[in-house]
């Protein structure tokens, strides 16, 4: 699924728009524990998290996640935005919390697979 489809469905605000029109997402990881994120990150993954700190900056620098979605309309700190820009990682912010954001994304994936 195209990241742009997810952005549109969430009404997300885009802070780093690096290839978000062509970025393919085939699964998501939703969570706030850095140890879980480190173990789960892979290509074509959207990370959905509340984390907007130094740990997330290091994660961007070290891993190959396709995109990051922050929650509750909270804009990223300037350092996180800069790290995402340097890494070429799309960074978006959903106006919703974890539950609602994941529900919307789940519905998109369910619709996408039911049309196969």
PDB file of N, CA and C in Angstrom:
ATOM      1  N   UNK A   1       0.838  -1.170   0.000  1.00  0.00           N
ATOM      2  CA  UNK A   1       0.000   0.000   0.000  1.00  0.00           C
ATOM      3  C   UNK A   1       0.889   1.241   0.000  1.00  0.00           C
ATOM      4  N   UNK A   2       0.448   2.227  -0.719  1.00  0.00           N
ATOM      5  CA  UNK A   2       1.189   3.485  -0.788  1.00  0.00           C
ATOM      6  C   UNK A   2       1.046   4.276   0.512  1.00  0.00           C
ATOM      7  N   UNK A   3       2.147   4.836   0.987  1.00  0.00           N
ATOM      8  CA  UNK A   3       2.104   5.678   2.177  1.00  0.00           C
ATOM      9  C   UNK A   3       1.154   6.846   1.972  1.00  0.00           C
ATOM     10  N   UNK A   4       1.076   7.362   0.760  1.00  0.00           N
ATOM     11  CA  UNK A   4       0.181   8.495   0.492  1.00  0.00           C
ATOM     12  C   UNK A   4      -1.282   8.141   0.770  1.00  0.00           C
ATOM     13  N   UNK A   5      -1.663   6.890   0.568  1.00  0.00           N
ATOM     14  CA  UNK A   5      -3.017   6.430   0.880  1.00  0.00           C
ATOM     15  C   UNK A   5      -3.264   6.495   2.383  1.00  0.00           C
ATOM     16  N   UNK A   6      -2.279   6.085   3.154  1.00  0.00           N
ATOM     17  CA  UNK A   6      -2.392   6.124   4.612  1.00  0.00           C
ATOM     18  C   UNK A   6      -2.447   7.566   5.098  1.00  0.00           C
ATOM     19  N   UNK A   7      -1.610   8.413   4.536  1.00  0.00           N
ATOM     20  CA  UNK A   7      -1.600   9.832   4.912  1.00  0.00           C
ATOM     21  C   UNK A   7      -2.970  10.449   4.682  1.00  0.00           C
ATOM     22  N   UNK A   8      -3.539  10.169   3.531  1.00  0.00           N
ATOM     23  CA  UNK A   8      -4.852  10.718   3.184  1.00  0.00           C
ATOM     24  C   UNK A   8      -5.936  10.210   4.130  1.00  0.00           C
ATOM     25  N   UNK A   9      -5.946   8.915   4.406  1.00  0.00           N
ATOM     26  CA  UNK A   9      -6.983   8.333   5.269  1.00  0.00           C
ATOM     27  C   UNK A   9      -6.895   8.859   6.690  1.00  0.00           C
ATOM     28  N   UNK A  10      -5.675   9.085   7.180  1.00  0.00           N
ATOM     29  CA  UNK A  10      -5.497   9.603   8.532  1.00  0.00           C
ATOM     30  C   UNK A  10      -5.712  11.113   8.613  1.00  0.00           C
ATOM     31  N   UNK A  11      -5.598  11.780   7.481  1.00  0.00           N
ATOM     32  CA  UNK A  11      -5.585  13.245   7.519  1.00  0.00           C
ATOM     33  C   UNK A  11      -4.311  13.714   8.210  1.00  0.00           C
ATOM     34  N   UNK A  12      -3.237  12.950   7.986  1.00  0.00           N
ATOM     35  CA  UNK A  12      -1.968  13.198   8.667  1.00  0.00           C
ATOM     36  C   UNK A  12      -1.265  14.426   8.093  1.00  0.00           C
ATOM     37  N   UNK A  13      -0.514  15.055   8.938  1.00  0.00           N
ATOM     38  CA  UNK A  13       0.320  16.182   8.541  1.00  0.00           C
ATOM     39  C   UNK A  13       1.707  15.642   8.200  1.00  0.00           C
ATOM     40  N   UNK A  14       2.234  16.030   7.059  1.00  0.00           N
ATOM     41  CA  UNK A  14       3.530  15.537   6.598  1.00  0.00           C
ATOM     42  C   UNK A  14       4.618  16.540   6.990  1.00  0.00           C
ATOM     43  N   UNK A  15       5.610  16.042   7.731  1.00  0.00           N
ATOM     44  CA  UNK A  15       6.731  16.888   8.132  1.00  0.00           C
ATOM     45  C   UNK A  15       7.955  16.636   7.267  1.00  0.00           C
ATOM     46  N   UNK A  16       8.163  15.388   6.867  1.00  0.00           N
ATOM     47  CA  UNK A  16       9.237  15.055   5.931  1.00  0.00           C
ATOM     48  C   UNK A  16       8.596  14.245   4.817  1.00  0.00           C
ATOM     49  N   UNK A  17       8.618  14.805   3.614  1.00  0.00           N
ATOM     50  CA  UNK A  17       7.938  14.199   2.481  1.00  0.00           C
ATOM     51  C   UNK A  17       8.958  13.612   1.518  1.00  0.00           C
ATOM     52  N   UNK A  18       9.687  12.633   1.983  1.00  0.00           N
ATOM     53  CA  UNK A  18      10.689  11.993   1.132  1.00  0.00           C
ATOM     54  C   UNK A  18      10.066  10.782   0.459  1.00  0.00           C
ATOM     55  N   UNK A  19       9.693  10.912  -0.799  1.00  0.00           N
ATOM     56  CA  UNK A  19       9.108   9.817  -1.585  1.00  0.00           C
ATOM     57  C   UNK A  19       7.832   9.238  -0.983  1.00  0.00           C
ATOM     58  N   UNK A  20       7.061  10.035  -0.264  1.00  0.00           N
ATOM     59  CA  UNK A  20       5.839   9.484   0.342  1.00  0.00           C
ATOM     60  C   UNK A  20       4.807   9.091  -0.718  1.00  0.00           C
ATOM     61  N   UNK A  21       4.930   9.640  -1.921  1.00  0.00           N
ATOM     62  CA  UNK A  21       4.006   9.253  -2.998  1.00  0.00           C
ATOM     63  C   UNK A  21       4.317   7.862  -3.547  1.00  0.00           C
ATOM     64  N   UNK A  22       5.569   7.447  -3.458  1.00  0.00           N
ATOM     65  CA  UNK A  22       5.956   6.141  -4.000  1.00  0.00           C
ATOM     66  C   UNK A  22       6.358   5.146  -2.916  1.00  0.00           C
ATOM     67  N   UNK A  23       6.377   5.567  -1.672  1.00  0.00           N
ATOM     68  CA  UNK A  23       6.788   4.707  -0.567  1.00  0.00           C
ATOM     69  C   UNK A  23       5.757   3.604  -0.347  1.00  0.00           C
ATOM     70  N   UNK A  24       6.200   2.365  -0.410  1.00  0.00           N
ATOM     71  CA  UNK A  24       5.328   1.211  -0.218  1.00  0.00           C
ATOM     72  C   UNK A  24       5.401   0.720   1.226  1.00  0.00           C
ATOM     73  N   UNK A  25       4.245   0.500   1.810  1.00  0.00           N
ATOM     74  CA  UNK A  25       4.133  -0.027   3.163  1.00  0.00           C
ATOM     75  C   UNK A  25       3.401  -1.355   3.075  1.00  0.00           C
ATOM     76  N   UNK A  26       4.028  -2.413   3.624  1.00  0.00           N
ATOM     77  CA  UNK A  26       3.309  -3.691   3.614  1.00  0.00           C
ATOM     78  C   UNK A  26       2.975  -4.189   5.021  1.00  0.00           C
ATOM     79  N   UNK A  27       3.485  -3.513   6.041  1.00  0.00           N
ATOM     80  CA  UNK A  27       3.079  -3.817   7.407  1.00  0.00           C
ATOM     81  C   UNK A  27       3.419  -2.645   8.326  1.00  0.00           C
ATOM     82  N   UNK A  28       2.822  -2.656   9.504  1.00  0.00           N
ATOM     83  CA  UNK A  28       3.089  -1.581  10.460  1.00  0.00           C
ATOM     84  C   UNK A  28       3.549  -2.179  11.780  1.00  0.00           C
ATOM     85  N   UNK A  29       4.209  -1.344  12.560  1.00  0.00           N
ATOM     86  CA  UNK A  29       4.532  -1.676  13.938  1.00  0.00           C
ATOM     87  C   UNK A  29       4.054  -0.511  14.779  1.00  0.00           C
ATOM     88  N   UNK A  30       3.226  -0.804  15.759  1.00  0.00           N
ATOM     89  CA  UNK A  30       2.706   0.227  16.646  1.00  0.00           C
ATOM     90  C   UNK A  30       3.194  -0.065  18.058  1.00  0.00           C
ATOM     91  N   UNK A  31       3.923   0.865  18.622  1.00  0.00           N
ATOM     92  CA  UNK A  31       4.413   0.676  19.978  1.00  0.00           C
ATOM     93  C   UNK A  31       5.328   1.788  20.412  1.00  0.00           C
ATOM     94  N   UNK A  32       5.606   1.786  21.719  1.00  0.00           N
ATOM     95  CA  UNK A  32       6.411   2.847  22.306  1.00  0.00           C
ATOM     96  C   UNK A  32       7.663   2.345  23.032  1.00  0.00           C
ATOM     97  N   UNK A  33       7.856   1.050  23.069  1.00  0.00           N
ATOM     98  CA  UNK A  33       9.048   0.523  23.734  1.00  0.00           C
ATOM     99  C   UNK A  33      10.177   0.415  22.724  1.00  0.00           C
ATOM    100  N   UNK A  34      11.265   1.119  23.000  1.00  0.00           N
ATOM    101  CA  UNK A  34      12.384   1.159  22.073  1.00  0.00           C
ATOM    102  C   UNK A  34      12.928  -0.238  21.787  1.00  0.00           C
ATOM    103  N   UNK A  35      12.997  -1.103  22.790  1.00  0.00           N
ATOM    104  CA  UNK A  35      13.530  -2.452  22.561  1.00  0.00           C
ATOM    105  C   UNK A  35      12.649  -3.223  21.578  1.00  0.00           C
ATOM    106  N   UNK A  36      11.330  -3.044  21.654  1.00  0.00           N
ATOM    107  CA  UNK A  36      10.433  -3.708  20.704  1.00  0.00           C
ATOM    108  C   UNK A  36      10.607  -3.141  19.301  1.00  0.00           C
ATOM    109  N   UNK A  37      10.752  -1.835  19.211  1.00  0.00           N
ATOM    110  CA  UNK A  37      10.952  -1.205  17.907  1.00  0.00           C
ATOM    111  C   UNK A  37      12.233  -1.714  17.243  1.00  0.00           C
ATOM    112  N   UNK A  38      13.307  -1.789  18.010  1.00  0.00           N
ATOM    113  CA  UNK A  38      14.585  -2.239  17.448  1.00  0.00           C
ATOM    114  C   UNK A  38      14.497  -3.654  16.911  1.00  0.00           C
ATOM    115  N   UNK A  39      13.711  -4.489  17.556  1.00  0.00           N
ATOM    116  CA  UNK A  39      13.574  -5.865  17.118  1.00  0.00           C
ATOM    117  C   UNK A  39      12.628  -6.052  15.950  1.00  0.00           C
ATOM    118  N   UNK A  40      11.792  -5.074  15.686  1.00  0.00           N
ATOM    119  CA  UNK A  40      10.745  -5.229  14.682  1.00  0.00           C
ATOM    120  C   UNK A  40      10.989  -4.471  13.386  1.00  0.00           C
ATOM    121  N   UNK A  41      11.849  -3.495  13.401  1.00  0.00           N
ATOM    122  CA  UNK A  41      12.014  -2.613  12.246  1.00  0.00           C
ATOM    123  C   UNK A  41      12.502  -3.384  11.024  1.00  0.00           C
ATOM    124  N   UNK A  42      11.848  -3.126   9.897  1.00  0.00           N
ATOM    125  CA  UNK A  42      12.255  -3.719   8.628  1.00  0.00           C
ATOM    126  C   UNK A  42      11.822  -2.801   7.492  1.00  0.00           C
ATOM    127  N   UNK A  43      12.255  -3.143   6.297  1.00  0.00           N
ATOM    128  CA  UNK A  43      11.870  -2.355   5.125  1.00  0.00           C
ATOM    129  C   UNK A  43      10.371  -2.462   4.906  1.00  0.00           C
ATOM    130  N   UNK A  44       9.819  -1.459   4.283  1.00  0.00           N
ATOM    131  CA  UNK A  44       8.395  -1.359   3.961  1.00  0.00           C
ATOM    132  C   UNK A  44       7.514  -1.401   5.207  1.00  0.00           C
ATOM    133  N   UNK A  45       8.055  -0.897   6.320  1.00  0.00           N
ATOM    134  CA  UNK A  45       7.315  -0.849   7.572  1.00  0.00           C
ATOM    135  C   UNK A  45       7.029   0.600   7.950  1.00  0.00           C
ATOM    136  N   UNK A  46       5.818   0.825   8.414  1.00  0.00           N
ATOM    137  CA  UNK A  46       5.438   2.105   8.998  1.00  0.00           C
ATOM    138  C   UNK A  46       5.470   1.939  10.504  1.00  0.00           C
ATOM    139  N   UNK A  47       6.267   2.754  11.178  1.00  0.00           N
ATOM    140  CA  UNK A  47       6.305   2.748  12.639  1.00  0.00           C
ATOM    141  C   UNK A  47       5.290   3.767  13.130  1.00  0.00           C
ATOM    142  N   UNK A  48       4.362   3.330  13.969  1.00  0.00           N
ATOM    143  CA  UNK A  48       3.348   4.198  14.575  1.00  0.00           C
ATOM    144  C   UNK A  48       3.693   4.285  16.059  1.00  0.00           C
ATOM    145  N   UNK A  49       4.033   5.481  16.530  1.00  0.00           N
ATOM    146  CA  UNK A  49       4.542   5.615  17.892  1.00  0.00           C
ATOM    147  C   UNK A  49       4.308   7.007  18.467  1.00  0.00           C
ATOM    148  N   UNK A  50       4.382   7.073  19.785  1.00  0.00           N
ATOM    149  CA  UNK A  50       4.358   8.353  20.490  1.00  0.00           C
ATOM    150  C   UNK A  50       5.768   8.912  20.648  1.00  0.00           C
ATOM    151  N   UNK A  51       6.778   8.085  20.428  1.00  0.00           N
ATOM    152  CA  UNK A  51       8.161   8.462  20.712  1.00  0.00           C
ATOM    153  C   UNK A  51       8.667   9.538  19.769  1.00  0.00           C
ATOM    154  N   UNK A  52       9.151  10.600  20.369  1.00  0.00           N
ATOM    155  CA  UNK A  52       9.736  11.690  19.591  1.00  0.00           C
ATOM    156  C   UNK A  52      10.939  12.206  20.383  1.00  0.00           C
ATOM    157  N   UNK A  53      11.893  11.305  20.610  1.00  0.00           N
ATOM    158  CA  UNK A  53      13.014  11.649  21.478  1.00  0.00           C
ATOM    159  C   UNK A  53      14.339  11.208  20.852  1.00  0.00           C
ATOM    160  N   UNK A  54      15.402  11.304  21.648  1.00  0.00           N
ATOM    161  CA  UNK A  54      16.738  10.929  21.170  1.00  0.00           C
ATOM    162  C   UNK A  54      16.785   9.481  20.694  1.00  0.00           C
ATOM    163  N   UNK A  55      16.075   8.590  21.375  1.00  0.00           N
ATOM    164  CA  UNK A  55      16.068   7.184  20.975  1.00  0.00           C
ATOM    165  C   UNK A  55      15.517   6.999  19.575  1.00  0.00           C
ATOM    166  N   UNK A  56      14.472   7.723  19.244  1.00  0.00           N
ATOM    167  CA  UNK A  56      13.874   7.626  17.905  1.00  0.00           C
ATOM    168  C   UNK A  56      14.823   8.193  16.857  1.00  0.00           C
ATOM    169  N   UNK A  57      15.560   9.221  17.218  1.00  0.00           N
ATOM    170  CA  UNK A  57      16.552   9.788  16.303  1.00  0.00           C
ATOM    171  C   UNK A  57      17.604   8.735  15.977  1.00  0.00           C
ATOM    172  N   UNK A  58      18.081   8.019  16.987  1.00  0.00           N
ATOM    173  CA  UNK A  58      19.070   6.954  16.762  1.00  0.00           C
ATOM    174  C   UNK A  58      18.477   5.827  15.926  1.00  0.00           C
ATOM    175  N   UNK A  59      17.213   5.494  16.185  1.00  0.00           N
ATOM    176  CA  UNK A  59      16.553   4.443  15.417  1.00  0.00           C
ATOM    177  C   UNK A  59      16.526   4.801  13.931  1.00  0.00           C
ATOM    178  N   UNK A  60      16.196   6.043  13.627  1.00  0.00           N
ATOM    179  CA  UNK A  60      16.165   6.498  12.230  1.00  0.00           C
ATOM    180  C   UNK A  60      17.543   6.367  11.599  1.00  0.00           C
ATOM    181  N   UNK A  61      18.554   6.730  12.354  1.00  0.00           N
ATOM    182  CA  UNK A  61      19.915   6.687  11.823  1.00  0.00           C
ATOM    183  C   UNK A  61      20.407   5.255  11.596  1.00  0.00           C
ATOM    184  N   UNK A  62      19.926   4.310  12.392  1.00  0.00           N
ATOM    185  CA  UNK A  62      20.450   2.947  12.344  1.00  0.00           C
ATOM    186  C   UNK A  62      19.624   1.961  11.530  1.00  0.00           C
ATOM    187  N   UNK A  63      18.331   2.200  11.403  1.00  0.00           N
ATOM    188  CA  UNK A  63      17.441   1.192  10.830  1.00  0.00           C
ATOM    189  C   UNK A  63      16.867   1.607   9.480  1.00  0.00           C
ATOM    190  N   UNK A  64      16.172   0.642   8.844  1.00  0.00           N
ATOM    191  CA  UNK A  64      15.623   0.839   7.513  1.00  0.00           C
ATOM    192  C   UNK A  64      14.102   0.928   7.487  1.00  0.00           C
ATOM    193  N   UNK A  65      13.486   1.510   8.483  1.00  0.00           N
ATOM    194  CA  UNK A  65      12.031   1.661   8.438  1.00  0.00           C
ATOM    195  C   UNK A  65      11.676   2.582   7.281  1.00  0.00           C
ATOM    196  N   UNK A  66      10.572   2.296   6.624  1.00  0.00           N
ATOM    197  CA  UNK A  66      10.173   3.096   5.466  1.00  0.00           C
ATOM    198  C   UNK A  66       9.598   4.444   5.853  1.00  0.00           C
ATOM    199  N   UNK A  67       8.891   4.510   7.001  1.00  0.00           N
ATOM    200  CA  UNK A  67       8.255   5.758   7.401  1.00  0.00           C
ATOM    201  C   UNK A  67       7.909   5.709   8.882  1.00  0.00           C
ATOM    202  N   UNK A  68       7.700   6.899   9.451  1.00  0.00           N
ATOM    203  CA  UNK A  68       7.329   7.018  10.862  1.00  0.00           C
ATOM    204  C   UNK A  68       6.087   7.887  10.969  1.00  0.00           C
ATOM    205  N   UNK A  69       5.160   7.430  11.801  1.00  0.00           N
ATOM    206  CA  UNK A  69       3.941   8.177  12.073  1.00  0.00           C
ATOM    207  C   UNK A  69       3.866   8.466  13.566  1.00  0.00           C
ATOM    208  N   UNK A  70       3.956   9.734  13.924  1.00  0.00           N
ATOM    209  CA  UNK A  70       3.760  10.147  15.309  1.00  0.00           C
ATOM    210  C   UNK A  70       2.270  10.371  15.539  1.00  0.00           C
ATOM    211  N   UNK A  71       1.867  10.450  16.795  1.00  0.00           N
ATOM    212  CA  UNK A  71       0.445  10.440  17.135  1.00  0.00           C
ATOM    213  C   UNK A  71      -0.022  11.694  17.864  1.00  0.00           C
ATOM    214  N   UNK A  72      -1.332  11.813  17.980  1.00  0.00           N
ATOM    215  CA  UNK A  72      -2.010  12.859  18.741  1.00  0.00           C
ATOM    216  C   UNK A  72      -1.716  14.278  18.262  1.00  0.00           C
ATOM    217  N   UNK A  73      -1.356  14.427  17.000  1.00  0.00           N
ATOM    218  CA  UNK A  73      -1.126  15.753  16.446  1.00  0.00           C
ATOM    219  C   UNK A  73       0.105  16.453  16.985  1.00  0.00           C
ATOM    220  N   UNK A  74       0.940  15.737  17.735  1.00  0.00           N
ATOM    221  CA  UNK A  74       2.128  16.337  18.336  1.00  0.00           C
ATOM    222  C   UNK A  74       3.251  16.418  17.318  1.00  0.00           C
ATOM    223  N   UNK A  75       3.689  17.637  16.985  1.00  0.00           N
ATOM    224  CA  UNK A  75       4.753  17.764  15.982  1.00  0.00           C
ATOM    225  C   UNK A  75       6.073  17.215  16.507  1.00  0.00           C
ATOM    226  N   UNK A  76       6.926  16.726  15.603  1.00  0.00           N
ATOM    227  CA  UNK A  76       8.230  16.205  16.027  1.00  0.00           C
ATOM    228  C   UNK A  76       9.145  17.332  16.482  1.00  0.00           C
ATOM    229  N   UNK A  77      10.089  16.981  17.359  1.00  0.00           N
ATOM    230  CA  UNK A  77      11.088  17.964  17.745  1.00  0.00           C
ATOM    231  C   UNK A  77      11.965  18.244  16.518  1.00  0.00           C
ATOM    232  N   UNK A  78      12.590  19.405  16.459  1.00  0.00           N
ATOM    233  CA  UNK A  78      13.415  19.751  15.298  1.00  0.00           C
ATOM    234  C   UNK A  78      14.516  18.726  15.014  1.00  0.00           C
ATOM    235  N   UNK A  79      15.092  18.139  16.060  1.00  0.00           N
ATOM    236  CA  UNK A  79      16.155  17.162  15.867  1.00  0.00           C
ATOM    237  C   UNK A  79      15.639  15.895  15.188  1.00  0.00           C
ATOM    238  N   UNK A  80      14.447  15.460  15.553  1.00  0.00           N
ATOM    239  CA  UNK A  80      13.857  14.282  14.927  1.00  0.00           C
ATOM    240  C   UNK A  80      13.529  14.566  13.463  1.00  0.00           C
ATOM    241  N   UNK A  81      12.991  15.730  13.208  1.00  0.00           N
ATOM    242  CA  UNK A  81      12.672  16.107  11.833  1.00  0.00           C
ATOM    243  C   UNK A  81      13.946  16.165  10.991  1.00  0.00           C
ATOM    244  N   UNK A  82      14.995  16.721  11.531  1.00  0.00           N
ATOM    245  CA  UNK A  82      16.269  16.798  10.806  1.00  0.00           C
ATOM    246  C   UNK A  82      16.841  15.408  10.544  1.00  0.00           C
ATOM    247  N   UNK A  83      16.768  14.522  11.542  1.00  0.00           N
ATOM    248  CA  UNK A  83      17.272  13.157  11.362  1.00  0.00           C
ATOM    249  C   UNK A  83      16.490  12.433  10.270  1.00  0.00           C
ATOM    250  N   UNK A  84      15.174  12.616  10.242  1.00  0.00           N
ATOM    251  CA  UNK A  84      14.339  11.993   9.207  1.00  0.00           C
ATOM    252  C   UNK A  84      14.695  12.545   7.829  1.00  0.00           C
ATOM    253  N   UNK A  85      14.906  13.850   7.744  1.00  0.00           N
ATOM    254  CA  UNK A  85      15.289  14.452   6.465  1.00  0.00           C
ATOM    255  C   UNK A  85      16.633  13.898   5.997  1.00  0.00           C
ATOM    256  N   UNK A  86      17.601  13.805   6.899  1.00  0.00           N
ATOM    257  CA  UNK A  86      18.930  13.306   6.535  1.00  0.00           C
ATOM    258  C   UNK A  86      18.891  11.848   6.104  1.00  0.00           C
ATOM    259  N   UNK A  87      18.014  11.063   6.735  1.00  0.00           N
ATOM    260  CA  UNK A  87      17.917   9.637   6.411  1.00  0.00           C
ATOM    261  C   UNK A  87      16.985   9.363   5.236  1.00  0.00           C
ATOM    262  N   UNK A  88      16.226  10.375   4.806  1.00  0.00           N
ATOM    263  CA  UNK A  88      15.261  10.172   3.730  1.00  0.00           C
ATOM    264  C   UNK A  88      14.061   9.360   4.175  1.00  0.00           C
ATOM    265  N   UNK A  89      13.689   9.502   5.445  1.00  0.00           N
ATOM    266  CA  UNK A  89      12.569   8.760   6.013  1.00  0.00           C
ATOM    267  C   UNK A  89      11.346   9.661   6.118  1.00  0.00           C
ATOM    268  N   UNK A  90      10.251   9.332   5.436  1.00  0.00           N
ATOM    269  CA  UNK A  90       9.047  10.141   5.582  1.00  0.00           C
ATOM    270  C   UNK A  90       8.597  10.175   7.048  1.00  0.00           C
ATOM    271  N   UNK A  91       8.189  11.347   7.489  1.00  0.00           N
ATOM    272  CA  UNK A  91       7.758  11.550   8.870  1.00  0.00           C
ATOM    273  C   UNK A  91       6.414  12.257   8.846  1.00  0.00           C
ATOM    274  N   UNK A  92       5.390  11.577   9.379  1.00  0.00           N
ATOM    275  CA  UNK A  92       4.044  12.131   9.374  1.00  0.00           C
ATOM    276  C   UNK A  92       3.497  12.161  10.803  1.00  0.00           C
ATOM    277  N   UNK A  93       2.463  12.964  11.003  1.00  0.00           N
ATOM    278  CA  UNK A  93       1.822  13.048  12.316  1.00  0.00           C
ATOM    279  C   UNK A  93       0.323  12.885  12.143  1.00  0.00           C
ATOM    280  N   UNK A  94      -0.201  11.856  12.797  1.00  0.00           N
ATOM    281  CA  UNK A  94      -1.642  11.602  12.787  1.00  0.00           C
ATOM    282  C   UNK A  94      -2.316  12.471  13.843  1.00  0.00           C
ATOM    283  N   UNK A  95      -3.501  12.989  13.546  1.00  0.00           N
ATOM    284  CA  UNK A  95      -4.219  13.762  14.560  1.00  0.00           C
ATOM    285  C   UNK A  95      -4.863  12.868  15.623  1.00  0.00           C
ATOM    286  N   UNK A  96      -4.827  11.558  15.406  1.00  0.00           N
ATOM    287  CA  UNK A  96      -5.483  10.607  16.293  1.00  0.00           C
ATOM    288  C   UNK A  96      -4.483   9.934  17.232  1.00  0.00           C
ATOM    289  N   UNK A  97      -5.017   9.258  18.234  1.00  0.00           N
ATOM    290  CA  UNK A  97      -4.201   8.461  19.142  1.00  0.00           C
ATOM    291  C   UNK A  97      -3.848   7.130  18.503  1.00  0.00           C
ATOM    292  N   UNK A  98      -3.197   6.288  19.271  1.00  0.00           N
ATOM    293  CA  UNK A  98      -2.730   4.984  18.782  1.00  0.00           C
ATOM    294  C   UNK A  98      -3.892   4.115  18.307  1.00  0.00           C
ATOM    295  N   UNK A  99      -4.927   3.991  19.120  1.00  0.00           N
ATOM    296  CA  UNK A  99      -6.046   3.105  18.808  1.00  0.00           C
ATOM    297  C   UNK A  99      -6.725   3.501  17.498  1.00  0.00           C
ATOM    298  N   UNK A 100      -7.070   4.779  17.378  1.00  0.00           N
ATOM    299  CA  UNK A 100      -7.766   5.241  16.187  1.00  0.00           C
ATOM    300  C   UNK A 100      -6.893   5.168  14.943  1.00  0.00           C
ATOM    301  N   UNK A 101      -5.642   5.567  15.071  1.00  0.00           N
ATOM    302  CA  UNK A 101      -4.730   5.528  13.923  1.00  0.00           C
ATOM    303  C   UNK A 101      -4.547   4.102  13.417  1.00  0.00           C
ATOM    304  N   UNK A 102      -4.309   3.184  14.337  1.00  0.00           N
ATOM    305  CA  UNK A 102      -4.122   1.783  13.934  1.00  0.00           C
ATOM    306  C   UNK A 102      -5.404   1.195  13.353  1.00  0.00           C
ATOM    307  N   UNK A 103      -6.548   1.597  13.888  1.00  0.00           N
ATOM    308  CA  UNK A 103      -7.821   1.118  13.344  1.00  0.00           C
ATOM    309  C   UNK A 103      -8.035   1.565  11.913  1.00  0.00           C
ATOM    310  N   UNK A 104      -7.714   2.803  11.633  1.00  0.00           N
ATOM    311  CA  UNK A 104      -7.850   3.327  10.271  1.00  0.00           C
ATOM    312  C   UNK A 104      -6.904   2.602   9.325  1.00  0.00           C
ATOM    313  N   UNK A 105      -5.661   2.429   9.754  1.00  0.00           N
ATOM    314  CA  UNK A 105      -4.681   1.746   8.909  1.00  0.00           C
ATOM    315  C   UNK A 105      -5.080   0.293   8.696  1.00  0.00           C
ATOM    316  N   UNK A 106      -5.550  -0.358   9.747  1.00  0.00           N
ATOM    317  CA  UNK A 106      -6.010  -1.745   9.625  1.00  0.00           C
ATOM    318  C   UNK A 106      -7.137  -1.853   8.598  1.00  0.00           C
ATOM    319  N   UNK A 107      -8.080  -0.928   8.661  1.00  0.00           N
ATOM    320  CA  UNK A 107      -9.190  -0.932   7.699  1.00  0.00           C
ATOM    321  C   UNK A 107      -8.691  -0.796   6.269  1.00  0.00           C
ATOM    322  N   UNK A 108      -7.681   0.045   6.060  1.00  0.00           N
ATOM    323  CA  UNK A 108      -7.110   0.209   4.721  1.00  0.00           C
ATOM    324  C   UNK A 108      -6.498  -1.087   4.220  1.00  0.00           C
ATOM    325  N   UNK A 109      -5.726  -1.759   5.065  1.00  0.00           N
ATOM    326  CA  UNK A 109      -5.109  -3.021   4.673  1.00  0.00           C
ATOM    327  C   UNK A 109      -6.149  -4.090   4.437  1.00  0.00           C
ATOM    328  N   UNK A 110      -7.201  -4.108   5.251  1.00  0.00           N
ATOM    329  CA  UNK A 110      -8.259  -5.101   5.088  1.00  0.00           C
ATOM    330  C   UNK A 110      -8.978  -4.892   3.752  1.00  0.00           C
ATOM    331  N   UNK A 111      -9.281  -3.619   3.418  1.00  0.00           N
ATOM    332  CA  UNK A 111      -9.917  -3.312   2.126  1.00  0.00           C
ATOM    333  C   UNK A 111      -9.008  -3.692   0.973  1.00  0.00           C
ATOM    334  N   UNK A 112      -7.716  -3.410   1.131  1.00  0.00           N
ATOM    335  CA  UNK A 112      -6.749  -3.672   0.069  1.00  0.00           C
ATOM    336  C   UNK A 112      -6.642  -5.174  -0.211  1.00  0.00           C
ATOM    337  N   UNK A 113      -6.626  -6.005   0.818  1.00  0.00           N
ATOM    338  CA  UNK A 113      -6.498  -7.448   0.609  1.00  0.00           C
ATOM    339  C   UNK A 113      -7.819  -8.083   0.180  1.00  0.00           C
ATOM    340  N   UNK A 114      -8.940  -7.477   0.531  1.00  0.00           N
ATOM    341  CA  UNK A 114     -10.228  -8.064   0.121  1.00  0.00           C
ATOM    342  C   UNK A 114     -10.509  -7.844  -1.364  1.00  0.00           C
ATOM    343  N   UNK A 115      -9.780  -6.900  -1.978  1.00  0.00           N
ATOM    344  CA  UNK A 115      -9.985  -6.651  -3.404  1.00  0.00           C
ATOM    345  C   UNK A 115      -9.101  -7.516  -4.284  1.00  0.00           C
ATOM    346  N   UNK A 116      -8.268  -8.363  -3.653  1.00  0.00           N
ATOM    347  CA  UNK A 116      -7.366  -9.226  -4.437  1.00  0.00           C
ATOM    348  C   UNK A 116      -8.097 -10.395  -5.051  1.00  0.00           C
TER     349      UNK A 116
END
